[in-house]
Each structure stands twice: as C-alpha cells, then as structure tokens.
Amino acid sequence: MSHDIKPPSQPVVTVVIPAYRAERTIERTVESVLLQQGEPPEVIVVIDGDLDRTEERLQGFGDRITVLLNVENRGAQRSRNRGLAVAAGEFVMFLDADDLLEGPVLAGLRERMTEVGADLGFAPMSRLLEVRGIRQAPFVPNFETSEDVLTSWLVKGRFVAPCSILWRSSFLRSIGGWDESVERNQDGELVVRAILGGAKFVTSTKGCGLYVQHDSADRTTRRPENLPDLMRVADKFLRLPSGVVSEDAKVRLVAAHFYNIAACYQSFGMDDLAREALARSRALGFRGHGGPLYHRLLCSLLGLRLRYRLTHSIKRFRGRS
C-alpha cells in the first residue's frame, strides 16, 4: 500500500485519523467513516509509529484510504497536523482511532456550515464507557453565542469530542492547526483558541459521533505526567485577545476553569498543584460555583478533595441507577 498517493477524486470532506497502537479498533473506525451518507470522504490514517499491526489491518481497504506512517511515535498533535497538511477536502474532521461516526454526521455538518460559511460545526456526541458497557444519552450542543461555547468547555465540562466537530480546512490552517506543544486537553485548547479568535460556528442535530472511553494505559487522560500542562494552557487563554468575548467575561470563565483544574489535581493527589490552581482561581476573582447555602457550607468544611470525591461518588451512583 502506498503511503503517499492520494485517491484521485476531489473530496469535499477529509477525515484524518491519528492511529497509535490501534490494531484492535482501526478497522471499525475507518468503516464507520466509509459508510457515511453522501459523497465518500477522503480518509487519511496517520499511523503514529510502526508499533503493532495497524498498517496490516488497513490493507483490506485498498485505495479507498490513504495511509501515512510516522516511523517513530510523534504524538497525536503532530499526526493530526501531518494529515491536515495533505488534506484535500474543503472541510476536515479529526477522528480518534477508536471512535465512530453514526448516521449522517458529516453530511449534516457540511450542509449547515456551507449555508452560513461557518468555520467549524458541532454535532451530537454520545459517550460509550467501553469497560462498563454503558452508552450515555447524546449531548446535543445548542450553543448560540461564543460565550456559550466557552462556558460549556471551561466551566461546565460539557465538551464536544473531535468525532463530532467539523472544521473548514482553510480556517484551521490559518490559525496554525493543532498546537503541538499541548499535552493535555488538546482538542479543548484548539476549540477555545478558535472561538476566542472569532470563529464562526454552527450546530447540527444530524447523526452522532460516538466517543469511546476505554481503560487503556495509552490514553492521554490516564497519564498524570501531562496534568501540569492544564495550567499552562489556561494561562494561554488569558493571553489570547478576543473580539467576540469581553475581557471581563474571559477572565471570569478562565477563573472558574482554574477552580475545576484544582479539583482535577486533587483527584490525582497532586496537592501542591491543586493549591496553586486554586490560588490562581481566587486571584482572578472566582469565589465558587454557588448553590444552596448548605452545599456551600459543606464544601467549606469538608475541603476541595473530599468535595470532589463526594460529588463524583454521587454521579457514579446515579449512573448505575
């Protein structure tokens, strides 16, 4: 199979799939893209290091896909940017090698973005907790303003995974693509940077991206060494100018984000980082998420770590009921 020859047709949509040790899931992921309704998308798989049988698994797709191989592991960001550099489509999606597309996700996003000349589009997303065999109800984004998008990502923790986001290729290239220095919350950094920069966005209700969460040690979210990067990225948001969100609103949202980062650090037992993130949050004016008086008093008495554990224990209980 050639690693550099592209399919001859001129696609409207390109799907870039960075694949690291993906031999178990890559075939079903690629198949879900090729089964999309409408004009077949260009599919570019970037194998990030010749470490398993991923390339062998792809041979059955023939010239329906393009395969690029990083001889050495370079990371998801560089793999995505390598795919973006050669993508022929007007629009591009970045699909993780274990996620899936269901229904007319690409067609729905492409239609909405074309209607208004949008730079990016958000579609419904469902999480599949693979180990527990639980599929959550879809999150259907209904953002109306740029501040809505930022609030969802930075404060509420309600993000849309890359499997449900379509980008206009020219816009993404104009803002520099993926930041290859980011080690944690890579897609969040890109979306927030784009929104602060004035990206025009739309939402679609068609189809669904399936975000698969598994228990592999290779997952970025399972690597504590990447956690300190969260504060560096939050500081980056503070420095970014924005013509669509006021400075006061941006500071308020990032302050709440620092508070959430502190809770994340506490959950990993990183007390020093948690105190630093909490201090940053308070210095920016954040005083808590509010809520009933008894809840605020309880949080004050129990402390941040116990609050985090208590909150997530309740969430897990509700998820099982």
C-alpha atoms as a PDB file:
ATOM      1  CA  MET A   1       0.000   0.000   0.000  1.00  0.00           C
ATOM      2  CA  SER A   2       1.351   3.407  -0.923  1.00  0.00           C
ATOM      3  CA  HIS A   3       1.890   5.798   1.945  1.00  0.00           C
ATOM      4  CA  ASP A   4       1.872   8.946  -0.151  1.00  0.00           C
ATOM      5  CA  ILE A   5      -0.519   8.530  -3.125  1.00  0.00           C
ATOM      6  CA  LYS A   6      -3.918  10.136  -2.564  1.00  0.00           C
ATOM      7  CA  PRO A   7      -7.202   8.888  -4.017  1.00  0.00           C
ATOM      8  CA  PRO A   8      -7.841  10.586  -7.399  1.00  0.00           C
ATOM      9  CA  SER A   9     -11.199  12.267  -6.681  1.00  0.00           C
ATOM     10  CA  GLN A  10     -11.506  15.762  -5.199  1.00  0.00           C
ATOM     11  CA  PRO A  11     -13.291  15.256  -1.867  1.00  0.00           C
ATOM     12  CA  VAL A  12     -15.436  17.781  -0.041  1.00  0.00           C
ATOM     13  CA  VAL A  13     -14.652  16.320   3.388  1.00  0.00           C
ATOM     14  CA  THR A  14     -11.432  14.780   4.677  1.00  0.00           C
ATOM     15  CA  VAL A  15     -11.328  12.652   7.820  1.00  0.00           C
ATOM     16  CA  VAL A  16      -7.897  12.447   9.454  1.00  0.00           C
ATOM     17  CA  ILE A  17      -7.390   9.524  11.844  1.00  0.00           C
ATOM     18  CA  PRO A  18      -4.251   9.540  14.023  1.00  0.00           C
ATOM     19  CA  ALA A  19      -3.591   5.914  14.975  1.00  0.00           C
ATOM     20  CA  TYR A  20      -1.340   4.877  17.848  1.00  0.00           C
ATOM     21  CA  ARG A  21      -1.347   1.167  18.704  1.00  0.00           C
ATOM     22  CA  ALA A  22      -4.795   0.962  17.089  1.00  0.00           C
ATOM     23  CA  GLU A  23      -4.824  -2.555  15.640  1.00  0.00           C
ATOM     24  CA  ARG A  24      -7.842  -3.538  17.763  1.00  0.00           C
ATOM     25  CA  THR A  25     -10.147  -0.700  16.722  1.00  0.00           C
ATOM     26  CA  ILE A  26      -8.893   0.879  13.492  1.00  0.00           C
ATOM     27  CA  GLU A  27     -10.967  -1.217  11.073  1.00  0.00           C
ATOM     28  CA  ARG A  28     -14.327  -0.433  12.678  1.00  0.00           C
ATOM     29  CA  THR A  29     -13.405   3.250  12.894  1.00  0.00           C
ATOM     30  CA  VAL A  30     -12.475   3.512   9.216  1.00  0.00           C
ATOM     31  CA  GLU A  31     -15.543   1.502   8.216  1.00  0.00           C
ATOM     32  CA  SER A  32     -17.818   3.915  10.098  1.00  0.00           C
ATOM     33  CA  VAL A  33     -16.382   6.769   8.004  1.00  0.00           C
ATOM     34  CA  LEU A  34     -16.686   4.973   4.676  1.00  0.00           C
ATOM     35  CA  LEU A  35     -20.340   4.174   5.440  1.00  0.00           C
ATOM     36  CA  GLN A  36     -21.222   7.868   5.796  1.00  0.00           C
ATOM     37  CA  GLN A  37     -24.068   9.095   3.611  1.00  0.00           C
ATOM     38  CA  GLY A  38     -23.445  11.276   0.564  1.00  0.00           C
ATOM     39  CA  GLU A  39     -20.198  11.789  -1.267  1.00  0.00           C
ATOM     40  CA  PRO A  40     -17.470   9.490   0.104  1.00  0.00           C
ATOM     41  CA  PRO A  41     -14.996  11.415   2.258  1.00  0.00           C
ATOM     42  CA  GLU A  42     -11.262  11.293   1.848  1.00  0.00           C
ATOM     43  CA  VAL A  43      -9.820   9.168   4.666  1.00  0.00           C
ATOM     44  CA  ILE A  44      -6.240   9.735   5.815  1.00  0.00           C
ATOM     45  CA  VAL A  45      -4.878   7.435   8.521  1.00  0.00           C
ATOM     46  CA  VAL A  46      -1.641   8.624  10.119  1.00  0.00           C
ATOM     47  CA  ILE A  47      -0.030   5.668  11.879  1.00  0.00           C
ATOM     48  CA  ASP A  48       1.974   7.135  14.738  1.00  0.00           C
ATOM     49  CA  GLY A  49       4.878   4.731  14.993  1.00  0.00           C
ATOM     50  CA  ASP A  50       5.268   1.260  13.498  1.00  0.00           C
ATOM     51  CA  LEU A  51       4.452  -0.404  16.827  1.00  0.00           C
ATOM     52  CA  ASP A  52       1.768  -3.005  16.080  1.00  0.00           C
ATOM     53  CA  ARG A  53      -0.348  -4.440  13.246  1.00  0.00           C
ATOM     54  CA  THR A  54      -2.354  -1.289  12.493  1.00  0.00           C
ATOM     55  CA  GLU A  55      -0.975  -0.976   8.956  1.00  0.00           C
ATOM     56  CA  GLU A  56      -1.717  -4.624   8.244  1.00  0.00           C
ATOM     57  CA  ARG A  57      -5.314  -4.169   9.423  1.00  0.00           C
ATOM     58  CA  LEU A  58      -5.778  -1.368   6.881  1.00  0.00           C
ATOM     59  CA  GLN A  59      -4.678  -3.294   3.817  1.00  0.00           C
ATOM     60  CA  GLY A  60      -8.191  -4.546   3.087  1.00  0.00           C
ATOM     61  CA  PHE A  61      -9.413  -1.008   2.397  1.00  0.00           C
ATOM     62  CA  GLY A  62      -7.125  -0.680  -0.631  1.00  0.00           C
ATOM     63  CA  ASP A  63      -7.127   2.694  -2.363  1.00  0.00           C
ATOM     64  CA  ARG A  64     -10.248   3.864  -0.529  1.00  0.00           C
ATOM     65  CA  ILE A  65      -7.963   5.339   2.101  1.00  0.00           C
ATOM     66  CA  THR A  66      -4.540   6.979   2.283  1.00  0.00           C
ATOM     67  CA  VAL A  67      -2.069   5.735   4.883  1.00  0.00           C
ATOM     68  CA  LEU A  68       0.819   7.832   6.181  1.00  0.00           C
ATOM     69  CA  LEU A  69       3.360   6.301   8.531  1.00  0.00           C
ATOM     70  CA  ASN A  70       5.399   8.062  11.185  1.00  0.00           C
ATOM     71  CA  VAL A  71       8.384   5.743  11.529  1.00  0.00           C
ATOM     72  CA  GLU A  72       8.738   6.929  15.134  1.00  0.00           C
ATOM     73  CA  ASN A  73       5.981   7.891  17.555  1.00  0.00           C
ATOM     74  CA  ARG A  74       5.487  11.668  17.244  1.00  0.00           C
ATOM     75  CA  GLY A  75       2.263  12.202  19.188  1.00  0.00           C
ATOM     76  CA  ALA A  76      -1.341  12.842  18.216  1.00  0.00           C
ATOM     77  CA  GLN A  77      -0.883  16.568  17.563  1.00  0.00           C
ATOM     78  CA  ARG A  78       1.879  16.137  15.011  1.00  0.00           C
ATOM     79  CA  SER A  79      -0.018  13.282  13.382  1.00  0.00           C
ATOM     80  CA  ARG A  80      -3.136  15.431  13.048  1.00  0.00           C
ATOM     81  CA  ASN A  81      -1.145  18.286  11.571  1.00  0.00           C
ATOM     82  CA  ARG A  82       0.537  15.929   9.123  1.00  0.00           C
ATOM     83  CA  GLY A  83      -2.868  14.794   7.940  1.00  0.00           C
ATOM     84  CA  LEU A  84      -4.142  18.376   7.772  1.00  0.00           C
ATOM     85  CA  ALA A  85      -1.162  19.376   5.604  1.00  0.00           C
ATOM     86  CA  VAL A  86      -2.191  16.975   2.824  1.00  0.00           C
ATOM     87  CA  ALA A  87      -5.977  17.004   3.288  1.00  0.00           C
ATOM     88  CA  ALA A  88      -7.722  17.838   0.005  1.00  0.00           C
ATOM     89  CA  GLY A  89     -11.200  18.414   1.454  1.00  0.00           C
ATOM     90  CA  GLU A  90     -12.759  21.817   1.989  1.00  0.00           C
ATOM     91  CA  PHE A  91     -13.741  20.503   5.423  1.00  0.00           C
ATOM     92  CA  VAL A  92     -11.806  18.260   7.783  1.00  0.00           C
ATOM     93  CA  MET A  93     -12.622  16.128  10.813  1.00  0.00           C
ATOM     94  CA  PHE A  94     -10.124  14.543  13.200  1.00  0.00           C
ATOM     95  CA  LEU A  95     -11.367  11.163  14.369  1.00  0.00           C
ATOM     96  CA  ASP A  96      -9.589   9.185  17.060  1.00  0.00           C
ATOM     97  CA  ALA A  97      -8.761   5.626  16.037  1.00  0.00           C
ATOM     98  CA  ASP A  98     -11.282   4.084  18.443  1.00  0.00           C
ATOM     99  CA  ASP A  99     -14.204   6.489  17.907  1.00  0.00           C
ATOM    100  CA  LEU A 100     -17.086   6.015  15.469  1.00  0.00           C
ATOM    101  CA  LEU A 101     -19.442   8.013  13.251  1.00  0.00           C
ATOM    102  CA  GLU A 102     -23.139   7.137  13.227  1.00  0.00           C
ATOM    103  CA  GLY A 103     -25.833   8.493  10.938  1.00  0.00           C
ATOM    104  CA  PRO A 104     -25.284  11.485   8.623  1.00  0.00           C
ATOM    105  CA  VAL A 105     -22.823  13.335  10.877  1.00  0.00           C
ATOM    106  CA  LEU A 106     -20.591  14.607   8.095  1.00  0.00           C
ATOM    107  CA  ALA A 107     -23.414  15.470   5.692  1.00  0.00           C
ATOM    108  CA  GLY A 108     -25.341  17.329   8.383  1.00  0.00           C
ATOM    109  CA  LEU A 109     -22.356  19.384   9.482  1.00  0.00           C
ATOM    110  CA  ARG A 110     -21.239  20.119   5.927  1.00  0.00           C
ATOM    111  CA  GLU A 111     -24.711  21.340   4.934  1.00  0.00           C
ATOM    112  CA  ARG A 112     -25.032  23.655   7.944  1.00  0.00           C
ATOM    113  CA  MET A 113     -21.525  25.047   7.564  1.00  0.00           C
ATOM    114  CA  THR A 114     -21.979  25.664   3.853  1.00  0.00           C
ATOM    115  CA  GLU A 115     -25.264  27.501   4.458  1.00  0.00           C
ATOM    116  CA  VAL A 116     -23.650  30.229   6.549  1.00  0.00           C
ATOM    117  CA  GLY A 117     -19.948  29.980   5.690  1.00  0.00           C
ATOM    118  CA  ALA A 118     -19.041  28.693   9.163  1.00  0.00           C
ATOM    119  CA  ASP A 119     -15.506  27.889  10.285  1.00  0.00           C
ATOM    120  CA  LEU A 120     -16.499  24.944  12.454  1.00  0.00           C
ATOM    121  CA  GLY A 121     -19.566  22.929  13.326  1.00  0.00           C
ATOM    122  CA  PHE A 122     -20.686  20.872  16.328  1.00  0.00           C
ATOM    123  CA  ALA A 123     -22.827  17.724  16.060  1.00  0.00           C
ATOM    124  CA  PRO A 124     -24.404  15.445  18.706  1.00  0.00           C
ATOM    125  CA  MET A 125     -21.978  13.293  20.688  1.00  0.00           C
ATOM    126  CA  SER A 126     -22.521  10.188  22.779  1.00  0.00           C
ATOM    127  CA  ARG A 127     -20.039   8.588  25.173  1.00  0.00           C
ATOM    128  CA  LEU A 128     -19.512   4.837  25.238  1.00  0.00           C
ATOM    129  CA  LEU A 129     -17.968   3.692  28.518  1.00  0.00           C
ATOM    130  CA  GLU A 130     -16.496   0.573  26.985  1.00  0.00           C
ATOM    131  CA  VAL A 131     -15.403  -1.291  30.115  1.00  0.00           C
ATOM    132  CA  ARG A 132     -18.807  -0.894  31.793  1.00  0.00           C
ATOM    133  CA  GLY A 133     -20.770  -1.352  28.582  1.00  0.00           C
ATOM    134  CA  ILE A 134     -22.695   1.869  29.159  1.00  0.00           C
ATOM    135  CA  ARG A 135     -23.693   4.242  26.401  1.00  0.00           C
ATOM    136  CA  GLN A 136     -24.772   7.653  27.612  1.00  0.00           C
ATOM    137  CA  ALA A 137     -27.556   9.700  26.071  1.00  0.00           C
ATOM    138  CA  PRO A 138     -26.282  12.047  23.332  1.00  0.00           C
ATOM    139  CA  PHE A 139     -25.165  15.539  24.204  1.00  0.00           C
ATOM    140  CA  VAL A 140     -26.791  17.730  21.565  1.00  0.00           C
ATOM    141  CA  PRO A 141     -24.952  21.084  21.508  1.00  0.00           C
ATOM    142  CA  ASN A 142     -27.219  24.109  21.185  1.00  0.00           C
ATOM    143  CA  PHE A 143     -24.661  26.892  21.528  1.00  0.00           C
ATOM    144  CA  GLU A 144     -25.938  30.297  20.448  1.00  0.00           C
ATOM    145  CA  THR A 145     -23.026  32.569  21.348  1.00  0.00           C
ATOM    146  CA  SER A 146     -19.264  32.295  21.629  1.00  0.00           C
ATOM    147  CA  GLU A 147     -19.604  32.667  25.384  1.00  0.00           C
ATOM    148  CA  ASP A 148     -21.947  29.647  25.398  1.00  0.00           C
ATOM    149  CA  VAL A 149     -19.201  27.526  23.833  1.00  0.00           C
ATOM    150  CA  LEU A 150     -16.561  28.734  26.283  1.00  0.00           C
ATOM    151  CA  THR A 151     -18.837  28.237  29.287  1.00  0.00           C
ATOM    152  CA  SER A 152     -19.576  24.683  28.205  1.00  0.00           C
ATOM    153  CA  TRP A 153     -15.894  23.805  27.817  1.00  0.00           C
ATOM    154  CA  LEU A 154     -14.253  25.779  30.617  1.00  0.00           C
ATOM    155  CA  VAL A 155     -16.880  25.813  33.353  1.00  0.00           C
ATOM    156  CA  LYS A 156     -19.393  23.019  32.847  1.00  0.00           C
ATOM    157  CA  GLY A 157     -17.024  20.427  31.434  1.00  0.00           C
ATOM    158  CA  ARG A 158     -19.502  19.734  28.621  1.00  0.00           C
ATOM    159  CA  PHE A 159     -17.242  19.395  25.609  1.00  0.00           C
ATOM    160  CA  VAL A 160     -17.789  18.043  22.120  1.00  0.00           C
ATOM    161  CA  ALA A 161     -15.196  15.432  21.152  1.00  0.00           C
ATOM    162  CA  PRO A 162     -13.367  15.633  17.800  1.00  0.00           C
ATOM    163  CA  CYS A 163     -15.651  12.873  16.439  1.00  0.00           C
ATOM    164  CA  SER A 164     -18.461  15.457  16.384  1.00  0.00           C
ATOM    165  CA  ILE A 165     -16.581  18.530  15.150  1.00  0.00           C
ATOM    166  CA  LEU A 166     -16.027  19.531  11.526  1.00  0.00           C
ATOM    167  CA  TRP A 167     -13.568  22.281  10.591  1.00  0.00           C
ATOM    168  CA  ARG A 168     -13.178  24.405   7.493  1.00  0.00           C
ATOM    169  CA  SER A 169      -9.706  23.374   6.394  1.00  0.00           C
ATOM    170  CA  SER A 170      -8.574  26.834   5.297  1.00  0.00           C
ATOM    171  CA  PHE A 171      -9.627  28.376   8.619  1.00  0.00           C
ATOM    172  CA  LEU A 172      -7.863  25.736  10.655  1.00  0.00           C
ATOM    173  CA  ARG A 173      -4.676  26.221   8.692  1.00  0.00           C
ATOM    174  CA  SER A 174      -4.963  29.997   9.127  1.00  0.00           C
ATOM    175  CA  ILE A 175      -4.847  29.672  12.935  1.00  0.00           C
ATOM    176  CA  GLY A 176      -1.881  27.308  12.852  1.00  0.00           C
ATOM    177  CA  GLY A 177      -3.646  23.969  13.210  1.00  0.00           C
ATOM    178  CA  TRP A 178      -3.132  21.912  16.340  1.00  0.00           C
ATOM    179  CA  ASP A 179      -0.709  23.251  18.962  1.00  0.00           C
ATOM    180  CA  GLU A 180       1.929  20.517  19.072  1.00  0.00           C
ATOM    181  CA  SER A 181       3.213  21.638  22.474  1.00  0.00           C
ATOM    182  CA  VAL A 182      -0.085  20.841  24.249  1.00  0.00           C
ATOM    183  CA  GLU A 183      -0.075  17.541  26.133  1.00  0.00           C
ATOM    184  CA  ARG A 184      -3.449  17.643  27.889  1.00  0.00           C
ATOM    185  CA  ASN A 185      -6.920  18.713  26.671  1.00  0.00           C
ATOM    186  CA  GLN A 186      -5.583  19.111  23.154  1.00  0.00           C
ATOM    187  CA  ASP A 187      -8.941  19.434  21.398  1.00  0.00           C
ATOM    188  CA  GLY A 188     -10.201  21.826  24.088  1.00  0.00           C
ATOM    189  CA  GLU A 189      -7.231  24.116  23.528  1.00  0.00           C
ATOM    190  CA  LEU A 190      -7.948  24.215  19.802  1.00  0.00           C
ATOM    191  CA  VAL A 191     -11.676  24.918  20.171  1.00  0.00           C
ATOM    192  CA  VAL A 192     -11.212  27.629  22.812  1.00  0.00           C
ATOM    193  CA  ARG A 193      -8.439  29.269  20.778  1.00  0.00           C
ATOM    194  CA  ALA A 194     -10.628  29.254  17.678  1.00  0.00           C
ATOM    195  CA  ILE A 195     -13.681  30.645  19.467  1.00  0.00           C
ATOM    196  CA  LEU A 196     -11.704  33.417  21.168  1.00  0.00           C
ATOM    197  CA  GLY A 197     -10.275  34.242  17.746  1.00  0.00           C
ATOM    198  CA  GLY A 198     -13.752  34.848  16.342  1.00  0.00           C
ATOM    199  CA  ALA A 199     -14.508  31.540  14.614  1.00  0.00           C
ATOM    200  CA  LYS A 200     -17.998  31.416  13.143  1.00  0.00           C
ATOM    201  CA  PHE A 201     -19.724  28.242  14.252  1.00  0.00           C
ATOM    202  CA  VAL A 202     -22.947  26.299  13.713  1.00  0.00           C
ATOM    203  CA  THR A 203     -24.594  23.299  15.329  1.00  0.00           C
ATOM    204  CA  SER A 204     -26.224  20.315  13.668  1.00  0.00           C
ATOM    205  CA  THR A 205     -28.712  17.780  15.024  1.00  0.00           C
ATOM    206  CA  LYS A 206     -27.992  15.099  12.415  1.00  0.00           C
ATOM    207  CA  GLY A 207     -26.107  11.904  13.177  1.00  0.00           C
ATOM    208  CA  CYS A 208     -23.906  11.294  16.187  1.00  0.00           C
ATOM    209  CA  GLY A 209     -20.221  10.952  16.958  1.00  0.00           C
ATOM    210  CA  LEU A 210     -19.510   8.067  19.327  1.00  0.00           C
ATOM    211  CA  TYR A 211     -16.740   8.960  21.770  1.00  0.00           C
ATOM    212  CA  VAL A 212     -15.346   5.683  23.109  1.00  0.00           C
ATOM    213  CA  GLN A 213     -13.750   5.791  26.548  1.00  0.00           C
ATOM    214  CA  HIS A 214     -11.702   2.699  27.338  1.00  0.00           C
ATOM    215  CA  ASP A 215      -9.302   1.678  30.068  1.00  0.00           C
ATOM    216  CA  SER A 216      -6.066   1.535  28.099  1.00  0.00           C
ATOM    217  CA  ALA A 217      -2.928   2.892  29.735  1.00  0.00           C
ATOM    218  CA  ASP A 218      -2.193   4.635  26.417  1.00  0.00           C
ATOM    219  CA  ARG A 219      -4.997   7.165  26.925  1.00  0.00           C
ATOM    220  CA  THR A 220      -3.746  10.725  27.405  1.00  0.00           C
ATOM    221  CA  THR A 221      -6.179  11.225  30.287  1.00  0.00           C
ATOM    222  CA  ARG A 222      -4.572   8.313  32.121  1.00  0.00           C
ATOM    223  CA  ARG A 223      -1.149   9.950  32.181  1.00  0.00           C
ATOM    224  CA  PRO A 224      -0.656  12.095  35.320  1.00  0.00           C
ATOM    225  CA  GLU A 225       2.606  13.493  33.944  1.00  0.00           C
ATOM    226  CA  ASN A 226       0.554  15.523  31.437  1.00  0.00           C
ATOM    227  CA  LEU A 227      -1.598  17.205  34.084  1.00  0.00           C
ATOM    228  CA  PRO A 228       0.647  20.238  34.818  1.00  0.00           C
ATOM    229  CA  ASP A 229       0.001  21.325  31.217  1.00  0.00           C
ATOM    230  CA  LEU A 230      -3.578  22.250  32.152  1.00  0.00           C
ATOM    231  CA  MET A 231      -2.485  25.416  33.964  1.00  0.00           C
ATOM    232  CA  ARG A 232      -0.122  26.422  31.168  1.00  0.00           C
ATOM    233  CA  VAL A 233      -2.950  26.175  28.650  1.00  0.00           C
ATOM    234  CA  ALA A 234      -5.312  28.119  30.940  1.00  0.00           C
ATOM    235  CA  ASP A 235      -2.703  30.889  31.148  1.00  0.00           C
ATOM    236  CA  LYS A 236      -2.546  30.845  27.351  1.00  0.00           C
ATOM    237  CA  PHE A 237      -6.297  31.526  27.211  1.00  0.00           C
ATOM    238  CA  LEU A 238      -5.810  34.594  29.414  1.00  0.00           C
ATOM    239  CA  ARG A 239      -3.221  35.991  26.995  1.00  0.00           C
ATOM    240  CA  LEU A 240      -5.286  35.465  23.852  1.00  0.00           C
ATOM    241  CA  PRO A 241      -7.081  38.599  22.630  1.00  0.00           C
ATOM    242  CA  SER A 242     -10.701  38.269  21.589  1.00  0.00           C
ATOM    243  CA  GLY A 243     -13.024  40.454  19.587  1.00  0.00           C
ATOM    244  CA  VAL A 244     -16.096  38.339  20.355  1.00  0.00           C
ATOM    245  CA  VAL A 245     -15.875  37.827  24.137  1.00  0.00           C
ATOM    246  CA  SER A 246     -15.252  40.682  26.572  1.00  0.00           C
ATOM    247  CA  GLU A 247     -12.100  40.616  28.662  1.00  0.00           C
ATOM    248  CA  ASP A 248     -14.171  40.518  31.854  1.00  0.00           C
ATOM    249  CA  ALA A 249     -16.138  37.506  30.624  1.00  0.00           C
ATOM    250  CA  LYS A 250     -12.986  35.706  29.524  1.00  0.00           C
ATOM    251  CA  VAL A 251     -11.282  36.240  32.899  1.00  0.00           C
ATOM    252  CA  ARG A 252     -14.394  35.076  34.747  1.00  0.00           C
ATOM    253  CA  LEU A 253     -14.602  31.884  32.685  1.00  0.00           C
ATOM    254  CA  VAL A 254     -10.888  31.095  32.980  1.00  0.00           C
ATOM    255  CA  ALA A 255     -11.053  31.699  36.745  1.00  0.00           C
ATOM    256  CA  ALA A 256     -13.763  29.038  37.010  1.00  0.00           C
ATOM    257  CA  HIS A 257     -11.647  26.813  34.786  1.00  0.00           C
ATOM    258  CA  PHE A 258      -8.695  27.117  37.193  1.00  0.00           C
ATOM    259  CA  TYR A 259     -11.039  26.022  40.001  1.00  0.00           C
ATOM    260  CA  ASN A 260     -12.006  22.909  38.003  1.00  0.00           C
ATOM    261  CA  ILE A 261      -8.329  22.235  37.322  1.00  0.00           C
ATOM    262  CA  ALA A 262      -7.665  22.369  41.076  1.00  0.00           C
ATOM    263  CA  ALA A 263     -10.349  19.719  41.624  1.00  0.00           C
ATOM    264  CA  CYS A 264      -8.741  17.565  38.935  1.00  0.00           C
ATOM    265  CA  TYR A 265      -5.336  17.842  40.599  1.00  0.00           C
ATOM    266  CA  GLN A 266      -6.837  16.904  43.954  1.00  0.00           C
ATOM    267  CA  SER A 267      -8.383  13.778  42.450  1.00  0.00           C
ATOM    268  CA  PHE A 268      -4.876  12.669  41.439  1.00  0.00           C
ATOM    269  CA  GLY A 269      -3.432  13.540  44.852  1.00  0.00           C
ATOM    270  CA  MET A 270      -1.388  16.452  43.466  1.00  0.00           C
ATOM    271  CA  ASP A 271      -1.941  18.735  46.465  1.00  0.00           C
ATOM    272  CA  ASP A 272       0.695  21.352  45.625  1.00  0.00           C
ATOM    273  CA  LEU A 273      -0.626  21.837  42.107  1.00  0.00           C
ATOM    274  CA  ALA A 274      -4.180  21.912  43.432  1.00  0.00           C
ATOM    275  CA  ARG A 275      -3.328  24.720  45.858  1.00  0.00           C
ATOM    276  CA  GLU A 276      -1.593  26.635  43.075  1.00  0.00           C
ATOM    277  CA  ALA A 277      -4.543  26.307  40.712  1.00  0.00           C
ATOM    278  CA  LEU A 278      -6.981  27.279  43.469  1.00  0.00           C
ATOM    279  CA  ALA A 279      -4.874  30.348  44.283  1.00  0.00           C
ATOM    280  CA  ARG A 280      -4.901  31.326  40.596  1.00  0.00           C
ATOM    281  CA  SER A 281      -8.661  30.941  40.524  1.00  0.00           C
ATOM    282  CA  ARG A 282      -9.166  33.145  43.574  1.00  0.00           C
ATOM    283  CA  ALA A 283      -6.684  35.733  42.308  1.00  0.00           C
ATOM    284  CA  LEU A 284      -8.819  36.056  39.180  1.00  0.00           C
ATOM    285  CA  GLY A 285     -11.907  36.675  41.317  1.00  0.00           C
ATOM    286  CA  PHE A 286     -13.561  33.238  41.460  1.00  0.00           C
ATOM    287  CA  ARG A 287     -15.372  32.523  44.722  1.00  0.00           C
ATOM    288  CA  GLY A 288     -17.153  29.239  43.990  1.00  0.00           C
ATOM    289  CA  HIS A 289     -19.932  27.820  41.847  1.00  0.00           C
ATOM    290  CA  GLY A 290     -22.645  28.929  44.260  1.00  0.00           C
ATOM    291  CA  GLY A 291     -25.574  26.679  45.062  1.00  0.00           C
ATOM    292  CA  PRO A 292     -27.688  26.248  48.198  1.00  0.00           C
ATOM    293  CA  LEU A 293     -26.271  27.574  51.451  1.00  0.00           C
ATOM    294  CA  TYR A 294     -25.915  24.103  52.998  1.00  0.00           C
ATOM    295  CA  HIS A 295     -23.878  22.974  49.995  1.00  0.00           C
ATOM    296  CA  ARG A 296     -21.518  25.938  50.239  1.00  0.00           C
ATOM    297  CA  LEU A 297     -21.041  25.343  53.960  1.00  0.00           C
ATOM    298  CA  LEU A 298     -20.431  21.641  53.386  1.00  0.00           C
ATOM    299  CA  CYS A 299     -17.788  22.375  50.756  1.00  0.00           C
ATOM    300  CA  SER A 300     -16.080  24.829  53.064  1.00  0.00           C
ATOM    301  CA  LEU A 301     -15.984  22.348  55.933  1.00  0.00           C
ATOM    302  CA  LEU A 302     -15.002  19.246  54.001  1.00  0.00           C
ATOM    303  CA  GLY A 303     -12.412  20.800  51.722  1.00  0.00           C
ATOM    304  CA  LEU A 304     -11.864  20.550  47.986  1.00  0.00           C
ATOM    305  CA  ARG A 305     -10.634  16.952  47.788  1.00  0.00           C
ATOM    306  CA  LEU A 306     -13.500  15.438  49.781  1.00  0.00           C
ATOM    307  CA  ARG A 307     -15.961  17.570  47.898  1.00  0.00           C
ATOM    308  CA  TYR A 308     -14.595  16.222  44.627  1.00  0.00           C
ATOM    309  CA  ARG A 309     -14.789  12.617  45.812  1.00  0.00           C
ATOM    310  CA  LEU A 310     -18.278  13.085  47.242  1.00  0.00           C
ATOM    311  CA  THR A 311     -19.584  14.726  44.071  1.00  0.00           C
ATOM    312  CA  HIS A 312     -18.180  12.035  41.808  1.00  0.00           C
ATOM    313  CA  SER A 313     -19.387   9.233  44.077  1.00  0.00           C
ATOM    314  CA  ILE A 314     -22.900  10.642  43.735  1.00  0.00           C
ATOM    315  CA  LYS A 315     -22.507  10.848  39.950  1.00  0.00           C
ATOM    316  CA  ARG A 316     -21.326   7.238  39.761  1.00  0.00           C
ATOM    317  CA  PHE A 317     -24.261   6.154  41.934  1.00  0.00           C
ATOM    318  CA  ARG A 318     -26.733   7.953  39.699  1.00  0.00           C
ATOM    319  CA  GLY A 319     -25.090   6.453  36.613  1.00  0.00           C
ATOM    320  CA  ARG A 320     -25.719   2.939  37.954  1.00  0.00           C
ATOM    321  CA  SER A 321     -29.342   3.588  38.909  1.00  0.00           C
END
